[in-house]
Amino acid sequence: MEIRRIADQIFYLPATEKPLSADVGIVCCGEERWIFDVGASEEAAAAVNGLPGHKKVVLSHFHPDHTGNIASVKYDALYAGAYTCKKLGTGEAVCEQRYFENGIHLFPLPSSHAKGCVGLEYGGYAFLGDGTYSAAKGGRAVYNAGLLRELIVTLEELSAEWVLQSHREPFLCLKAEVVAELREIYARRDVKEPYIFV
């Protein structure tokens, strides 16, 4: 599997459909490799294991296309939301913003898509996994209005200009455009209803 370059120190392995495997982010900080999601394909696991240096894994959320390889990859530390840590039985929970000396910023990401999402920001880029996506209810795409409002605020507070959303083409998007899309959805809400169907 080919590792693709986004910027100096920032790379990714593209998502696949068969098997369903999320995009895997890679941030190179000196001797450390910060891995955002580990995917679910054998190729993704082999690519992650082939990286040099100390590996620190960040899981965006608990869905298997993002976490499936966790038992197959070698890592020195694992960070995820509290719910993901509980589901996997391992990891250090990210319940508030965490800043590391090398410039890595981990943050909780309010999300309708999955409970306990986490994002990673570094060098003007933010990996968001599926955190900006809707959930499904009755066969329809739906956002929780309160969580969507919190998500918009969280994204606006990031210093990153670019965001990376798994399973999306293009993978790299301007944060301002993503926020504008989410604001447009939020503007459709009925103030008497907790959900916004899209």
Protein backbone atom coordinates (compact mmCIF):
# COMPACT_ATOMS: atom_id res chain seq x y z
CA MET A 1 0.00 0.00 0.00
CA GLU A 2 1.41 3.37 -1.04
CA ILE A 3 1.93 6.02 1.63
CA ARG A 4 0.84 9.40 0.25
CA ARG A 5 2.36 12.72 1.23
CA ILE A 6 0.19 15.63 2.36
CA ALA A 7 2.90 17.99 3.62
CA ASP A 8 6.29 17.88 5.32
CA GLN A 9 5.95 15.33 8.12
CA ILE A 10 2.29 14.52 7.29
CA PHE A 11 1.26 11.44 5.29
CA TYR A 12 -1.60 8.96 4.96
CA LEU A 13 -2.62 5.55 3.71
CA PRO A 14 -5.83 5.82 1.66
CA ALA A 15 -9.06 4.15 2.71
CA THR A 16 -10.27 1.02 0.92
CA GLU A 17 -13.74 -0.39 0.24
CA LYS A 18 -12.92 -4.11 0.16
CA PRO A 19 -12.19 -4.66 2.93
CA LEU A 20 -13.69 -1.50 4.44
CA SER A 21 -10.68 0.23 5.98
CA ALA A 22 -10.41 3.88 7.03
CA ASP A 23 -7.71 6.32 5.97
CA VAL A 24 -4.67 6.06 8.23
CA GLY A 25 -2.91 9.33 9.11
CA ILE A 26 0.83 9.47 9.81
CA VAL A 27 2.61 12.41 11.46
CA CYS A 28 6.41 12.17 11.69
CA CYS A 29 7.83 14.02 14.71
CA GLY A 30 11.52 13.25 15.05
CA GLU A 31 11.79 9.61 16.13
CA GLU A 32 8.04 9.37 16.79
CA ARG A 33 5.36 8.32 14.34
CA TRP A 34 1.86 9.40 15.37
CA ILE A 35 -0.65 7.08 13.70
CA PHE A 36 -4.22 8.36 13.42
CA ASP A 37 -6.48 5.29 13.08
CA VAL A 38 -5.05 1.93 12.12
CA GLY A 39 -7.52 0.77 9.47
CA ALA A 40 -8.75 -2.78 9.04
CA SER A 41 -6.84 -4.20 6.06
CA GLU A 42 -3.74 -6.39 6.17
CA GLU A 43 -1.99 -3.90 3.86
CA ALA A 44 -2.62 -1.03 6.28
CA ALA A 45 -1.30 -3.07 9.22
CA ALA A 46 1.82 -4.03 7.28
CA ALA A 47 2.44 -0.42 6.25
CA VAL A 48 2.09 0.83 9.84
CA ASN A 49 4.36 -1.92 11.18
CA GLY A 50 6.93 -1.04 8.51
CA LEU A 51 7.28 2.53 9.74
CA PRO A 52 10.46 3.30 11.69
CA GLY A 53 10.56 4.92 15.11
CA HIS A 54 8.35 4.89 18.20
CA LYS A 55 4.67 4.64 17.28
CA LYS A 56 1.89 6.42 19.12
CA VAL A 57 -1.59 5.49 17.96
CA VAL A 58 -4.64 7.76 18.15
CA LEU A 59 -8.02 6.18 17.40
CA SER A 60 -10.71 8.55 16.18
CA HIS A 61 -13.56 6.30 17.37
CA PHE A 62 -14.46 2.66 17.96
CA HIS A 63 -15.81 1.58 14.55
CA PRO A 64 -13.96 -1.48 13.22
CA ASP A 65 -12.82 0.10 9.94
CA HIS A 66 -10.77 2.51 12.11
CA THR A 67 -9.69 0.11 14.88
CA GLY A 68 -9.66 -3.34 13.23
CA ASN A 69 -5.87 -3.60 13.06
CA ILE A 70 -5.19 -2.59 16.66
CA ALA A 71 -4.22 -6.14 17.67
CA SER A 72 -1.95 -6.45 14.62
CA VAL A 73 0.08 -3.24 14.85
CA LYS A 74 2.97 -2.57 17.19
CA TYR A 75 2.79 0.67 19.16
CA ASP A 76 4.27 2.33 22.24
CA ALA A 77 1.19 4.31 23.35
CA LEU A 78 -2.51 4.37 22.49
CA TYR A 79 -4.89 7.34 22.85
CA ALA A 80 -8.64 7.34 22.20
CA GLY A 81 -11.93 8.58 23.58
CA ALA A 82 -13.08 7.03 26.86
CA TYR A 83 -15.80 5.00 25.11
CA THR A 84 -13.33 3.56 22.59
CA CYS A 85 -10.86 2.70 25.37
CA LYS A 86 -13.67 0.91 27.22
CA LYS A 87 -14.77 -1.01 24.09
CA LEU A 88 -11.18 -2.08 23.34
CA GLY A 89 -10.14 -2.65 26.93
CA THR A 90 -6.98 -0.60 26.49
CA GLY A 91 -5.62 2.88 25.86
CA GLU A 92 -5.34 6.26 27.53
CA ALA A 93 -8.58 8.22 27.38
CA VAL A 94 -8.61 11.69 25.79
CA CYS A 95 -11.35 13.47 27.75
CA GLU A 96 -9.98 16.99 27.33
CA GLN A 97 -7.53 18.76 25.06
CA ARG A 98 -3.98 17.41 25.27
CA TYR A 99 -0.92 19.25 23.98
CA PHE A 100 2.42 17.53 23.51
CA GLU A 101 5.85 19.18 23.32
CA ASN A 102 6.30 18.14 19.68
CA GLY A 103 3.24 20.16 18.61
CA ILE A 104 0.69 17.31 18.55
CA HIS A 105 -2.72 18.41 19.81
CA LEU A 106 -5.38 15.81 20.66
CA PHE A 107 -8.94 16.93 21.33
CA PRO A 108 -12.40 15.47 21.97
CA LEU A 109 -14.61 15.88 18.90
CA PRO A 110 -18.38 16.17 19.56
CA SER A 111 -19.95 13.96 16.92
CA SER A 112 -23.33 12.63 15.85
CA HIS A 113 -21.59 9.80 14.00
CA ALA A 114 -20.09 7.95 16.97
CA LYS A 115 -19.74 8.34 20.71
CA GLY A 116 -16.43 9.67 22.02
CA CYS A 117 -14.65 10.82 18.85
CA VAL A 118 -11.13 12.28 19.02
CA GLY A 119 -9.19 14.44 16.57
CA LEU A 120 -5.48 15.14 16.05
CA GLU A 121 -4.09 18.53 15.00
CA TYR A 122 -0.55 19.22 13.85
CA GLY A 123 1.19 21.77 11.64
CA GLY A 124 -1.92 23.41 10.21
CA TYR A 125 -3.78 20.13 9.59
CA ALA A 126 -6.42 18.28 11.63
CA PHE A 127 -7.32 14.61 11.25
CA LEU A 128 -11.02 14.17 12.07
CA GLY A 129 -11.80 10.56 11.11
CA ASP A 130 -15.59 10.33 10.66
CA GLY A 131 -16.25 12.96 13.33
CA THR A 132 -18.05 15.43 11.04
CA TYR A 133 -20.44 12.84 9.61
CA SER A 134 -24.06 12.13 10.48
CA ALA A 135 -25.59 9.11 12.16
CA ALA A 136 -28.40 7.04 10.67
CA LYS A 137 -31.88 6.93 12.11
CA GLY A 138 -34.79 5.19 10.41
CA GLY A 139 -32.73 4.82 7.25
CA ARG A 140 -32.02 8.57 7.08
CA ALA A 141 -28.92 10.63 7.79
CA VAL A 142 -29.33 12.65 10.96
CA TYR A 143 -27.37 15.02 13.18
CA ASN A 144 -27.94 15.66 16.85
CA ALA A 145 -28.46 19.45 16.86
CA GLY A 146 -26.64 20.05 20.15
CA LEU A 147 -23.64 17.94 19.17
CA LEU A 148 -23.51 19.60 15.75
CA ARG A 149 -23.38 23.04 17.38
CA GLU A 150 -20.54 21.87 19.66
CA LEU A 151 -18.72 20.32 16.69
CA ILE A 152 -18.83 23.60 14.77
CA VAL A 153 -17.43 25.50 17.76
CA THR A 154 -14.67 22.91 18.24
CA LEU A 155 -13.60 23.13 14.58
CA GLU A 156 -13.66 26.93 14.59
CA GLU A 157 -11.34 26.98 17.61
CA LEU A 158 -8.70 24.83 15.87
CA SER A 159 -5.77 26.72 14.37
CA ALA A 160 -5.61 24.23 11.46
CA GLU A 161 -6.50 25.59 8.03
CA TRP A 162 -6.97 22.11 6.56
CA VAL A 163 -8.95 19.09 7.77
CA LEU A 164 -8.74 15.44 6.75
CA GLN A 165 -11.94 13.39 6.82
CA SER A 166 -11.86 9.65 6.37
CA HIS A 167 -13.61 8.01 3.39
CA ARG A 168 -13.97 11.37 1.65
CA GLU A 169 -12.72 12.57 -1.71
CA PRO A 170 -10.88 14.78 -1.59
CA PHE A 171 -9.38 13.63 1.69
CA LEU A 172 -7.92 17.10 2.29
CA CYS A 173 -10.44 19.95 2.62
CA LEU A 174 -10.30 23.55 3.75
CA LYS A 175 -11.64 23.77 7.30
CA ALA A 176 -13.63 26.88 6.40
CA GLU A 177 -15.53 24.95 3.71
CA VAL A 178 -16.33 22.06 6.06
CA VAL A 179 -17.52 24.48 8.76
CA ALA A 180 -19.68 26.29 6.20
CA GLU A 181 -21.31 22.96 5.18
CA LEU A 182 -22.00 22.10 8.82
CA ARG A 183 -23.37 25.58 9.52
CA GLU A 184 -25.74 25.19 6.57
CA ILE A 185 -27.03 21.92 8.02
CA TYR A 186 -27.38 23.47 11.48
CA ALA A 187 -29.37 26.38 10.01
CA ARG A 188 -32.04 23.87 8.86
CA ARG A 189 -32.87 22.79 12.41
CA ASP A 190 -36.30 23.11 13.95
CA VAL A 191 -35.62 24.60 17.39
CA LYS A 192 -38.32 22.30 18.83
CA GLU A 193 -36.56 19.16 17.57
CA PRO A 194 -33.32 17.61 18.89
CA TYR A 195 -32.39 16.10 15.49
CA ILE A 196 -31.71 17.48 12.04
CA PHE A 197 -32.47 15.06 9.20
CA VAL A 198 -30.45 15.60 6.03
